[in-house]
Protein backbone atom coordinates (compact mmCIF):
# COMPACT_ATOMS: atom_id res chain seq x y z
CA MET A 1 -9.48 12.60 -27.63
CA PHE A 2 -8.26 13.95 -24.26
CA ARG A 3 -9.51 17.59 -22.60
CA ILE A 4 -7.07 19.33 -19.41
CA THR A 5 -9.21 17.39 -16.71
CA ASP A 6 -7.85 14.14 -18.32
CA ILE A 7 -4.41 15.16 -18.44
CA ARG A 8 -4.82 16.54 -15.00
CA ASN A 9 -6.51 13.78 -13.41
CA ILE A 10 -3.26 11.34 -15.68
CA ALA A 11 -0.82 13.85 -14.07
CA ILE A 12 -2.06 14.02 -10.44
CA GLN A 13 -2.41 9.95 -10.46
CA ILE A 14 1.77 10.30 -11.83
CA GLU A 15 2.30 12.82 -8.74
CA LYS A 16 0.67 10.46 -6.30
CA ASN A 17 2.24 7.63 -7.14
CA GLY A 18 5.71 9.17 -7.24
CA GLU A 19 5.34 10.32 -4.15
CA SER A 20 4.36 7.02 -2.31
CA SER A 21 7.33 5.51 -3.65
CA TYR A 22 9.78 8.29 -2.67
CA ARG A 23 8.48 8.57 0.71
CA LEU A 24 7.96 4.51 1.51
CA ALA A 25 11.64 4.27 -0.46
CA SER A 26 12.88 7.12 2.43
CA THR A 27 12.02 4.86 5.24
CA LYS A 28 14.01 1.82 3.93
CA VAL A 29 16.86 2.67 3.10
CA LYS A 30 19.86 2.58 5.68
CA ASP A 31 22.20 6.22 4.51
CA PRO A 32 20.14 8.85 6.31
CA ARG A 33 21.45 10.98 3.63
CA ILE A 34 19.58 9.24 1.00
CA SER A 35 16.69 8.83 3.30
CA GLU A 36 16.47 12.70 3.64
CA LEU A 37 16.96 13.36 -0.14
CA LEU A 38 14.36 10.46 -0.79
CA ALA A 39 11.94 12.63 1.18
CA TRP A 40 12.80 15.93 -0.78
CA MET A 41 12.02 13.96 -3.85
CA ALA A 42 8.18 12.69 -2.24
CA ASP A 43 7.98 16.75 -1.19
CA GLU A 44 8.41 17.64 -4.85
CA GLU A 45 5.87 15.20 -6.14
CA GLU A 46 3.54 16.58 -3.56
CA ARG A 47 4.47 20.22 -4.55
CA HIS A 48 3.74 18.81 -8.03
CA LEU A 49 0.13 17.32 -7.18
CA GLN A 50 -0.68 20.08 -5.32
CA TRP A 51 -0.05 22.68 -8.48
CA PHE A 52 -2.01 19.87 -11.05
CA GLU A 53 -4.57 20.04 -8.83
CA GLU A 54 -5.13 24.06 -8.79
CA LEU A 55 -5.14 23.86 -12.46
CA GLN A 56 -8.09 25.07 -13.94
CA SER A 57 -10.71 22.76 -16.14
CA GLU A 58 -12.49 23.55 -18.65
CA ALA A 59 -16.24 24.14 -19.72
CA GLU A 60 -18.93 21.49 -19.01
CA VAL A 61 -19.02 18.50 -20.54
CA PRO A 62 -22.19 18.23 -22.92
CA ALA A 63 -25.02 15.91 -21.46
CA GLU A 64 -25.27 13.48 -24.37
CA HIS A 65 -21.17 12.96 -23.72
CA ALA A 66 -21.39 12.63 -20.14
CA GLU A 67 -21.42 8.81 -20.05
CA LEU A 68 -18.18 8.57 -22.77
CA GLU A 69 -16.83 11.30 -20.34
CA LYS A 70 -16.94 9.40 -17.09
CA MET A 71 -16.19 5.96 -19.24
CA GLY A 72 -12.70 7.73 -20.57
CA GLN A 73 -11.91 9.37 -17.10
CA SER A 74 -12.06 5.43 -15.51
CA LEU A 75 -10.43 4.00 -18.35
CA LEU A 76 -6.98 6.63 -17.82
CA GLN A 77 -7.56 6.01 -14.02
CA ASP A 78 -7.31 2.29 -13.92
CA MET A 79 -4.65 2.95 -16.54
CA MET A 80 -2.30 5.34 -14.30
CA ALA A 81 -2.96 3.10 -11.00
CA ASN A 82 0.37 2.11 -10.22
CA GLN A 83 2.08 3.83 -12.72
CA THR A 84 5.76 4.92 -11.83
CA PHE A 85 7.72 3.91 -14.42
CA SER A 86 11.39 3.47 -14.43
CA LEU A 87 10.75 4.25 -10.38
CA ASP A 88 11.35 1.19 -9.52
CA GLN A 89 10.04 0.54 -5.86
CA GLN A 90 12.28 -2.59 -5.06
CA GLU A 91 15.14 -1.11 -6.57
CA LEU A 92 14.84 2.56 -5.22
CA ASN A 93 14.68 0.62 -1.46
CA ARG A 94 17.30 -0.91 -1.91
CA THR A 95 19.74 1.94 -3.23
CA GLU A 96 22.75 2.26 -1.78
CA THR A 97 24.46 5.16 -3.04
CA LEU A 98 23.17 8.92 -3.86
CA THR A 99 24.32 8.96 -7.12
CA GLN A 100 21.73 5.68 -8.03
CA MET A 101 18.87 7.29 -6.21
CA LEU A 102 19.57 10.44 -8.33
CA THR A 103 19.78 8.77 -11.39
CA GLN A 104 16.34 6.46 -10.78
CA SER A 105 15.07 9.96 -9.83
CA LYS A 106 16.18 11.60 -13.02
CA ALA A 107 15.11 8.38 -15.16
CA PHE A 108 11.35 8.76 -13.37
CA GLU A 109 11.56 12.58 -14.20
CA ASP A 110 12.29 11.96 -18.03
CA ASP A 111 10.14 9.11 -18.32
CA THR A 112 7.24 11.59 -16.95
CA ILE A 113 8.37 14.29 -19.81
CA LEU A 114 7.89 11.98 -22.66
CA PHE A 115 4.87 10.44 -21.10
CA TYR A 116 3.40 14.23 -20.91
CA GLU A 117 4.83 15.03 -24.60
CA PHE A 118 2.64 11.84 -25.79
CA LEU A 119 -0.22 13.18 -24.76
CA GLN A 120 0.36 16.31 -26.01
CA GLY A 121 -0.12 14.91 -29.76
CA LEU A 122 -3.77 13.39 -28.31
CA LEU A 123 -5.06 16.94 -27.63
CA ASP A 124 -7.11 18.88 -29.72
CA ASP A 125 -8.05 21.86 -27.90
CA GLU A 126 -5.63 24.76 -28.05
CA ARG A 127 -5.43 25.70 -24.35
CA ALA A 128 -5.38 22.07 -22.82
CA ALA A 129 -1.77 21.83 -25.16
CA ARG A 130 -0.81 24.63 -23.12
CA GLU A 131 -1.74 23.88 -19.93
CA LEU A 132 0.48 20.78 -20.84
CA ASP A 133 2.94 22.65 -22.02
CA ALA A 134 3.40 24.09 -18.18
CA ILE A 135 3.26 21.09 -16.77
CA ILE A 136 6.00 19.46 -18.90
CA ASP A 137 8.24 22.68 -18.10
CA GLU A 138 7.69 22.14 -14.05
CA GLU A 139 8.80 18.11 -15.45
CA ARG A 140 11.72 19.58 -17.12
CA GLN A 141 13.05 21.50 -14.26
CA HIS A 142 12.63 18.93 -11.67
CA ALA A 143 14.82 16.89 -13.69
CA ALA A 144 17.62 19.75 -14.92
CA ARG A 145 18.17 20.01 -10.53
CA LEU A 146 18.19 16.37 -10.20
CA GLU A 147 20.82 16.38 -13.08
CA GLU A 148 22.94 19.11 -11.28
CA LEU A 149 22.85 17.01 -8.02
CA VAL A 150 24.15 14.09 -10.21
CA ALA A 151 26.82 16.37 -11.25
CA THR A 152 27.78 17.11 -7.94
CA CYS A 153 27.92 13.52 -6.50
CA ALA A 154 30.13 12.56 -9.21
């Protein structure tokens, strides 16, 4: 099963991928308002990343499980290396309206929440589950903010 360290590492990779996608797209779009909002989204992903990096890990893994732990971490990192869920870089680069960009960003946040909720079912540690709840709450707040912005553009 997963430990909070594994979840934290996955979250860090997802946030890095999102930040990178938003930053790149902010340099590619023509509309300065969209570019500014994409840069804001990148800053938000960076803030999430820093928050996840500060989460405390639980006790050390027993020596007899260390190699298995390394293999599991490597597998998770490989799985998540370029994962941006519904945040398609090409589509983001071609975004012409604020509403399109906000809608795509919200879909990314929603996908991230669903993924974290899936991982929650794999946790066997109560503390890790509480930590993941906090991560999910942070992502929900981000999605809610994007939904508010979509409503103001409509």
